Amino acid sequence: MPLLSCPLDQLSLLRVSGPQGADLLHAQLSQDFQHWPDEQARLAALLNPQGRMLADFIAVRLAPEQIGLLLDASIAAAALQRLRMFVLRLKCTLDDASTQWARHGLLGDTAADYPAPLAPPAQPWGVRRLESGALLLRLPQAGSAVRCVLLTERDQAAQAALRAELAALPALPPSEWALQDIRAGLPHLTAATQQLFVPQMLNFELIGGVNFKKGCYPGQEVVARSQYRGTLKRRMYVVSGPAAMQPGQELVHAADPGQPCGVVVNAAADTAGVWWALAELKIALAEQPGLHLGSAEGPELKLGALPYALTAPD
């Protein structure tokens, strides 16, 4: 298929500027920002002291002393306010740079669908700086498709020409972009799901969002205990069904209809009208038939496949 493009206006871009921006993120997020190659993006989580996720970020270096944090627009203001609380005497500032940086999603069947100036990085989470100064970030993807995020500065003439080229590409509906995230097993918090999940409930350590060797950060003790001392009872799965699903909706299992067994994290419909979702579920019930949306009388859901294994914590 030809290369497809869509604006990612549902994502905001927070910007951390200054010589100690990486130190701030290292101290506050679940990822290592002190040993970080320039040509890699990083997945990270902001947690409350109880280990519950307040935000998830895709972090990328915009410039030598600038880091961009991509996240759902519905939680951007709250995440920015919380991170600013911890700047204190660090030499860095934070702002919302969404108006300065345009975000576009690109999808091709293979890397060969990309024209040479937009050749994607060889591996997922790789970042390439184009001649114009724009940044191309490759995302993990289910199957052989190649999916990238392109970041361009709106005030740069060369990058404006690039955005014009993108506008001429066949359009990828935002719902299809969301569906690609679901198939890839990449969750995104929204306002409806903040503070519901410890990172392991969303498989975050399996997709590279938690570094267990970096030291302390808010919520770190809970995350470490879940990994090494506790028995993990909940994981994230792919589910599908005939009815519309929304983040934050409860799921119920026929084996225990009196209480919810899980929550919808993200959802989107395919072209056939089937709804797909990433859902956090009790492991003990996830693979048993009888999963329903909303109540035991609600639409029945089927379990799908993730592109990675749900390995037990060590």
Protein backbone atom coordinates (compact mmCIF):
# COMPACT_ATOMS: atom_id res chain seq x y z
CA MET A 1 0.00 0.00 0.00
CA PRO A 2 1.16 3.62 -0.36
CA LEU A 3 2.53 5.45 2.63
CA LEU A 4 -0.35 6.82 4.74
CA SER A 5 -0.31 9.92 6.96
CA CYS A 6 -2.46 11.40 9.70
CA PRO A 7 -2.10 14.38 12.06
CA LEU A 8 -1.66 13.30 15.69
CA ASP A 9 -3.54 16.17 17.29
CA GLN A 10 -4.71 13.81 20.04
CA LEU A 11 -1.13 13.91 21.34
CA SER A 12 0.51 16.84 23.09
CA LEU A 13 4.24 17.54 23.22
CA LEU A 14 5.67 18.77 26.51
CA ARG A 15 9.18 20.25 26.34
CA VAL A 16 11.87 20.08 29.02
CA SER A 17 14.62 22.63 28.37
CA GLY A 18 17.93 23.25 30.12
CA PRO A 19 21.13 21.45 31.13
CA GLN A 20 19.45 19.54 33.98
CA GLY A 21 16.25 18.50 32.19
CA ALA A 22 17.38 14.88 31.95
CA ASP A 23 18.19 14.92 35.69
CA LEU A 24 14.63 16.01 36.46
CA LEU A 25 13.12 13.24 34.35
CA HIS A 26 15.54 10.64 35.74
CA ALA A 27 14.45 11.52 39.29
CA GLN A 28 10.71 11.57 38.57
CA LEU A 29 9.99 8.95 35.91
CA SER A 30 10.28 5.17 35.64
CA GLN A 31 12.98 5.30 32.95
CA ASP A 32 16.76 5.89 32.92
CA PHE A 33 17.51 9.32 31.41
CA GLN A 34 21.19 9.47 32.41
CA HIS A 35 22.37 6.72 30.05
CA TRP A 36 20.35 7.61 26.99
CA PRO A 37 21.61 7.45 23.37
CA ASP A 38 20.52 10.42 21.25
CA GLU A 39 19.21 8.16 18.51
CA GLN A 40 16.72 6.38 20.78
CA ALA A 41 13.32 7.30 22.14
CA ARG A 42 12.36 6.24 25.63
CA LEU A 43 9.05 5.05 27.07
CA ALA A 44 8.43 6.21 30.65
CA ALA A 45 5.75 6.64 33.29
CA LEU A 46 4.99 9.33 35.86
CA LEU A 47 3.61 7.75 39.04
CA ASN A 48 2.01 8.90 42.26
CA PRO A 49 3.60 7.76 45.57
CA GLN A 50 1.30 4.71 45.57
CA GLY A 51 2.81 3.52 42.28
CA ARG A 52 -0.24 4.37 40.16
CA MET A 53 0.36 5.84 36.73
CA LEU A 54 -0.45 9.53 36.24
CA ALA A 55 0.92 9.71 32.70
CA ASP A 56 2.86 7.73 30.12
CA PHE A 57 5.39 9.42 27.83
CA ILE A 58 7.37 8.77 24.70
CA ALA A 59 10.52 10.81 25.28
CA VAL A 60 12.73 12.04 22.44
CA ARG A 61 15.64 14.49 22.29
CA LEU A 62 14.57 17.58 20.37
CA ALA A 63 17.95 19.33 20.73
CA PRO A 64 21.08 18.93 22.93
CA GLU A 65 19.31 20.47 25.95
CA GLN A 66 15.68 19.89 24.97
CA ILE A 67 13.59 16.77 25.56
CA GLY A 68 10.12 16.26 24.15
CA LEU A 69 7.48 14.18 25.93
CA LEU A 70 4.59 12.87 23.83
CA LEU A 71 1.40 11.99 25.71
CA ASP A 72 -2.37 12.06 25.39
CA ALA A 73 -3.63 15.63 25.19
CA SER A 74 -6.31 15.02 27.85
CA ILE A 75 -3.67 14.61 30.58
CA ALA A 76 -0.97 16.97 29.31
CA ALA A 77 -1.84 19.96 31.51
CA ALA A 78 -1.95 17.86 34.69
CA ALA A 79 1.34 16.12 33.87
CA LEU A 80 3.04 19.43 33.13
CA GLN A 81 1.84 20.92 36.42
CA ARG A 82 3.07 17.92 38.40
CA LEU A 83 6.52 17.82 36.80
CA ARG A 84 6.96 21.54 37.43
CA MET A 85 6.50 20.88 41.16
CA PHE A 86 9.86 19.07 41.24
CA VAL A 87 12.04 21.52 39.30
CA LEU A 88 13.06 23.37 42.47
CA ARG A 89 16.68 24.53 41.91
CA LEU A 90 17.36 22.41 38.85
CA LYS A 91 18.47 24.36 35.79
CA CYS A 92 15.55 23.49 33.53
CA THR A 93 12.11 24.69 32.50
CA LEU A 94 8.99 22.93 31.23
CA ASP A 95 6.34 24.09 28.79
CA ASP A 96 3.74 22.74 26.38
CA ALA A 97 5.33 22.95 22.92
CA SER A 98 2.38 21.49 21.01
CA THR A 99 1.82 24.72 19.11
CA GLN A 100 5.48 24.87 18.06
CA TRP A 101 5.85 21.22 17.01
CA ALA A 102 3.49 19.42 14.60
CA ARG A 103 2.94 15.69 15.11
CA HIS A 104 2.18 13.33 12.23
CA GLY A 105 1.78 9.57 12.07
CA LEU A 106 3.07 7.55 9.11
CA LEU A 107 2.18 3.97 8.23
CA GLY A 108 3.54 1.75 5.46
CA ASP A 109 3.35 -1.98 4.77
CA THR A 110 7.16 -2.11 4.81
CA ALA A 111 10.08 0.30 5.09
CA ALA A 112 10.20 0.36 1.27
CA ASP A 113 6.93 2.33 1.24
CA TYR A 114 8.79 5.31 2.71
CA PRO A 115 10.51 7.68 0.26
CA ALA A 116 14.28 7.98 0.70
CA PRO A 117 14.16 11.33 2.59
CA LEU A 118 11.83 9.68 5.13
CA ALA A 119 13.66 6.36 5.44
CA PRO A 120 12.67 5.04 8.88
CA PRO A 121 15.14 4.00 11.58
CA ALA A 122 16.10 0.33 11.42
CA GLN A 123 14.61 -0.63 14.78
CA PRO A 124 11.57 0.34 16.88
CA TRP A 125 12.22 3.29 19.22
CA GLY A 126 14.98 4.44 16.89
CA VAL A 127 15.08 8.18 16.06
CA ARG A 128 16.51 9.81 12.92
CA ARG A 129 17.06 13.52 12.42
CA LEU A 130 16.22 14.48 8.84
CA GLU A 131 18.17 17.03 6.81
CA SER A 132 15.44 19.59 7.51
CA GLY A 133 15.87 19.09 11.26
CA ALA A 134 12.61 17.18 11.64
CA LEU A 135 12.64 14.04 13.78
CA LEU A 136 11.41 10.61 12.68
CA LEU A 137 10.66 8.10 15.44
CA ARG A 138 9.85 4.48 14.66
CA LEU A 139 7.26 2.79 16.87
CA PRO A 140 6.88 -0.92 17.68
CA GLN A 141 4.28 -2.53 15.48
CA ALA A 142 2.41 -5.81 15.19
CA GLY A 143 3.18 -7.65 11.96
CA SER A 144 5.43 -6.35 9.19
CA ALA A 145 3.99 -2.82 8.94
CA VAL A 146 6.33 0.11 9.70
CA ARG A 147 4.87 2.95 11.75
CA CYS A 148 6.57 6.24 12.58
CA VAL A 149 5.91 9.57 14.27
CA LEU A 150 7.25 12.64 12.48
CA LEU A 151 7.91 15.79 14.54
CA THR A 152 8.35 19.07 12.66
CA GLU A 153 8.88 22.63 13.90
CA ARG A 154 6.17 24.90 12.57
CA ASP A 155 8.45 27.95 12.21
CA GLN A 156 11.03 26.16 10.05
CA ALA A 157 10.52 26.75 6.31
CA ALA A 158 12.14 23.48 5.23
CA GLN A 159 9.93 21.55 7.60
CA ALA A 160 6.85 23.42 6.39
CA ALA A 161 7.59 22.04 2.92
CA LEU A 162 7.81 18.57 4.44
CA ARG A 163 4.43 18.99 6.09
CA ALA A 164 2.98 20.03 2.75
CA GLU A 165 4.29 16.78 1.26
CA LEU A 166 2.65 14.86 4.09
CA ALA A 167 -0.67 16.57 3.40
CA ALA A 168 -0.57 15.19 -0.14
CA LEU A 169 -0.24 11.59 1.07
CA PRO A 170 -3.32 9.36 1.36
CA ALA A 171 -4.98 9.96 4.73
CA LEU A 172 -4.89 7.47 7.57
CA PRO A 173 -7.96 7.88 9.82
CA PRO A 174 -7.14 8.63 13.48
CA SER A 175 -9.19 5.58 14.46
CA GLU A 176 -6.85 3.39 12.39
CA TRP A 177 -3.82 4.91 14.13
CA ALA A 178 -5.42 4.08 17.49
CA LEU A 179 -6.12 0.56 16.25
CA GLN A 180 -2.45 0.14 15.33
CA ASP A 181 -1.47 1.08 18.89
CA ILE A 182 -3.88 -1.55 20.22
CA ARG A 183 -2.54 -4.26 17.92
CA ALA A 184 1.00 -3.34 18.95
CA GLY A 185 0.07 -3.60 22.64
CA LEU A 186 1.06 0.02 23.35
CA PRO A 187 -1.25 1.57 25.99
CA HIS A 188 -1.83 5.28 26.51
CA LEU A 189 -3.37 6.80 29.61
CA THR A 190 -6.22 9.26 29.23
CA ALA A 191 -8.11 11.40 31.74
CA ALA A 192 -10.48 8.46 32.30
CA THR A 193 -7.72 6.05 33.36
CA GLN A 194 -5.28 8.11 35.41
CA GLN A 195 -4.24 6.56 38.76
CA LEU A 196 -5.87 3.19 37.99
CA PHE A 197 -2.81 1.13 37.14
CA VAL A 198 0.57 0.10 38.47
CA PRO A 199 2.88 -0.10 35.40
CA GLN A 200 2.94 -3.91 35.31
CA MET A 201 -0.86 -3.96 34.97
CA LEU A 202 -0.34 -2.34 31.55
CA ASN A 203 2.64 -4.58 30.64
CA PHE A 204 4.77 -1.46 30.85
CA GLU A 205 7.90 -3.25 31.98
CA LEU A 206 7.54 -5.70 29.06
CA ILE A 207 7.56 -2.92 26.45
CA GLY A 208 10.53 -1.05 27.89
CA GLY A 209 8.83 1.55 30.08
CA VAL A 210 10.42 0.62 33.43
CA ASN A 211 14.08 0.48 34.37
CA PHE A 212 14.63 -1.54 37.54
CA LYS A 213 18.28 -0.54 38.00
CA LYS A 214 18.04 3.25 37.90
CA GLY A 215 17.25 4.00 41.55
CA CYS A 216 14.51 5.88 43.31
CA TYR A 217 11.59 7.82 41.85
CA PRO A 218 8.04 8.38 43.15
CA GLY A 219 6.20 5.05 43.33
CA GLN A 220 9.38 3.04 42.74
CA GLU A 221 8.99 0.88 45.87
CA VAL A 222 5.52 -0.27 44.80
CA VAL A 223 6.75 -1.08 41.28
CA ALA A 224 9.75 -3.02 42.60
CA ARG A 225 7.60 -4.92 45.10
CA SER A 226 5.17 -5.91 42.36
CA GLN A 227 8.07 -7.14 40.26
CA TYR A 228 10.10 -9.06 42.80
CA ARG A 229 8.04 -9.81 45.91
CA GLY A 230 4.39 -9.90 44.98
CA THR A 231 2.27 -12.12 42.81
CA LEU A 232 1.08 -10.15 39.83
CA LYS A 233 -2.69 -10.66 39.52
CA ARG A 234 -3.55 -8.32 36.65
CA ARG A 235 -2.23 -7.81 33.12
CA MET A 236 -3.23 -6.02 29.93
CA TYR A 237 -4.76 -7.98 27.05
CA VAL A 238 -6.30 -7.36 23.63
CA VAL A 239 -10.06 -7.92 23.48
CA SER A 240 -12.67 -7.45 20.75
CA GLY A 241 -16.44 -7.21 20.58
CA PRO A 242 -19.45 -5.90 18.65
CA ALA A 243 -20.17 -2.79 20.76
CA ALA A 244 -18.39 0.52 21.21
CA MET A 245 -15.86 0.62 24.04
CA GLN A 246 -14.37 3.64 25.81
CA PRO A 247 -11.39 4.11 28.15
CA GLY A 248 -12.42 3.60 31.77
CA GLN A 249 -15.35 1.26 31.04
CA GLU A 250 -15.56 -1.69 33.40
CA LEU A 251 -15.46 -5.33 32.30
CA VAL A 252 -17.28 -8.14 34.09
CA HIS A 253 -16.78 -11.90 33.94
CA ALA A 254 -19.58 -14.44 34.16
CA ALA A 255 -17.55 -16.43 36.70
CA ASP A 256 -17.72 -13.51 39.14
CA PRO A 257 -20.50 -11.16 37.95
CA GLY A 258 -20.80 -9.25 41.19
CA GLN A 259 -17.66 -7.16 40.68
CA PRO A 260 -15.59 -5.77 37.79
CA CYS A 261 -12.69 -7.89 36.61
CA GLY A 262 -11.04 -5.24 34.47
CA VAL A 263 -11.04 -1.86 32.73
CA VAL A 264 -10.83 -0.71 29.11
CA VAL A 265 -7.57 1.20 28.57
CA ASN A 266 -7.84 2.22 24.89
CA ALA A 267 -10.36 1.27 22.18
CA ALA A 268 -11.00 1.70 18.45
CA ALA A 269 -13.16 0.15 15.73
CA ASP A 270 -11.87 -1.53 12.57
CA THR A 271 -13.34 -1.02 9.09
CA ALA A 272 -15.71 -3.96 9.60
CA GLY A 273 -17.25 -2.33 12.66
CA VAL A 274 -15.61 -4.66 15.18
CA TRP A 275 -14.33 -2.88 18.29
CA TRP A 276 -10.89 -3.68 19.63
CA ALA A 277 -9.43 -2.64 22.97
CA LEU A 278 -6.50 -2.93 25.29
CA ALA A 279 -8.00 -4.01 28.60
CA GLU A 280 -6.50 -4.54 32.04
CA LEU A 281 -7.89 -7.83 33.42
CA LYS A 282 -7.52 -10.29 36.27
CA ILE A 283 -5.10 -12.93 35.00
CA ALA A 284 -7.14 -15.73 36.58
CA LEU A 285 -10.19 -14.86 34.47
CA ALA A 286 -8.67 -13.42 31.30
CA GLU A 287 -8.48 -16.62 29.26
CA GLN A 288 -11.80 -18.08 30.39
CA PRO A 289 -14.91 -17.53 28.21
CA GLY A 290 -17.51 -15.23 29.72
CA LEU A 291 -15.96 -11.76 29.54
CA HIS A 292 -18.54 -8.99 29.08
CA LEU A 293 -18.59 -5.23 28.65
CA GLY A 294 -20.24 -3.28 31.46
CA SER A 295 -22.20 -6.10 33.10
CA ALA A 296 -22.80 -9.83 32.84
CA GLU A 297 -25.65 -9.01 30.45
CA GLY A 298 -23.47 -6.77 28.29
CA PRO A 299 -21.86 -7.66 24.95
CA GLU A 300 -19.50 -10.63 25.14
CA LEU A 301 -15.85 -9.99 24.36
CA LYS A 302 -13.21 -12.24 22.85
CA LEU A 303 -9.55 -12.38 23.79
CA GLY A 304 -7.10 -11.39 21.05
CA ALA A 305 -3.34 -11.76 20.68
CA LEU A 306 -0.56 -9.43 21.80
CA PRO A 307 2.65 -9.24 19.74
CA TYR A 308 4.75 -9.97 22.84
CA ALA A 309 4.67 -12.63 25.56
CA LEU A 310 3.14 -11.94 28.97
CA THR A 311 6.10 -13.28 30.88
CA ALA A 312 5.82 -13.51 34.64
CA PRO A 313 7.98 -11.09 36.67
CA ASP A 314 11.29 -12.49 37.90
